[in-house]
Amino acid sequence: MPLTNHTDIWSLITKHRELIKRVLTGFILGAAFWCLFIYLPPFYFSLVLFGILIQIIIFEWKNLFNIYSPLFWLTLPFYPILPFVLLISMNNNPVYHDLLFILFILVSSHDTGSYIVGSLFGKHKIYPQISPKKTWEGFFGGCLFASIGLMLILWEQGMMKPWWFILGFALFVCVLAFLGDMFESWLKRCAHVKDSGTILPGHGGFLDRFDGILFAVFFFYLLRNILVIIFSKN
């Protein structure tokens, strides 16, 4: 009986090895990422964002487009360069720094929740022709994680918001993040590659991790002054 139990446990670990590796890598990198964002001056976080952008341009973008193709050069300024410029701009402005925190929490929570719930319970595919692993269960699980993340931020900051606002705002940002994810999946499908890169174990490349943020940042940046008022403690 003990052998059977050990065998069952090992079988379960093997079955979900990719999930475990992804979660562990995400936790370690995420902890370093958040410590850098929260405890060091914004200059250092902007430097990291700039470094990630350079990594994407030099090592990952060529996996999606032929360097001699006009699309390589025509798309690059708008995606991913422009979204990273917006991220760095918001990071360098103390007024919008907290908005950037909310953006990263929502998108990272949605990504994590989507992967965990989708891996464990996902059955109904959303668009298998572009992204075979994306499921409705994973998407709504990610929305739940994002809502909880936003609720915890507001609670920690002492801000009271109605539940419908938390769910609605999280859902809207999750839809943007999902569209960004699907757009990058479409690019990878066209290029016949699984991931944009291999630098992050269990995650692929940096573009694979930032695809949702690169879409959602446009919303945050365009409405940044309104969002500052909405998320003000007053």
Foldseek 3Di string as FASTA:
>chain_A
DVVVVVVVVVVVCVLCVLVVQQVVLCVVVVVVLVCCLPPHQLVVNLVVLVVQLVCCLPQQLCLLPPPPDVCSVVVSCLPPVVLSVLLSVLSNDPLNSVVSVLLVQLLVLLVSQLVVQLSVPFDAADDCLQPVSGGPRSRVSSLVSSLVSVVVVCVVVVHDDDSVVSSVVSNVLSVLLVVLLSVVSNSCVVSVHDASACPRRSQGGVCSVCSSVSRSSVVCSVCVVVVSVVSPRD
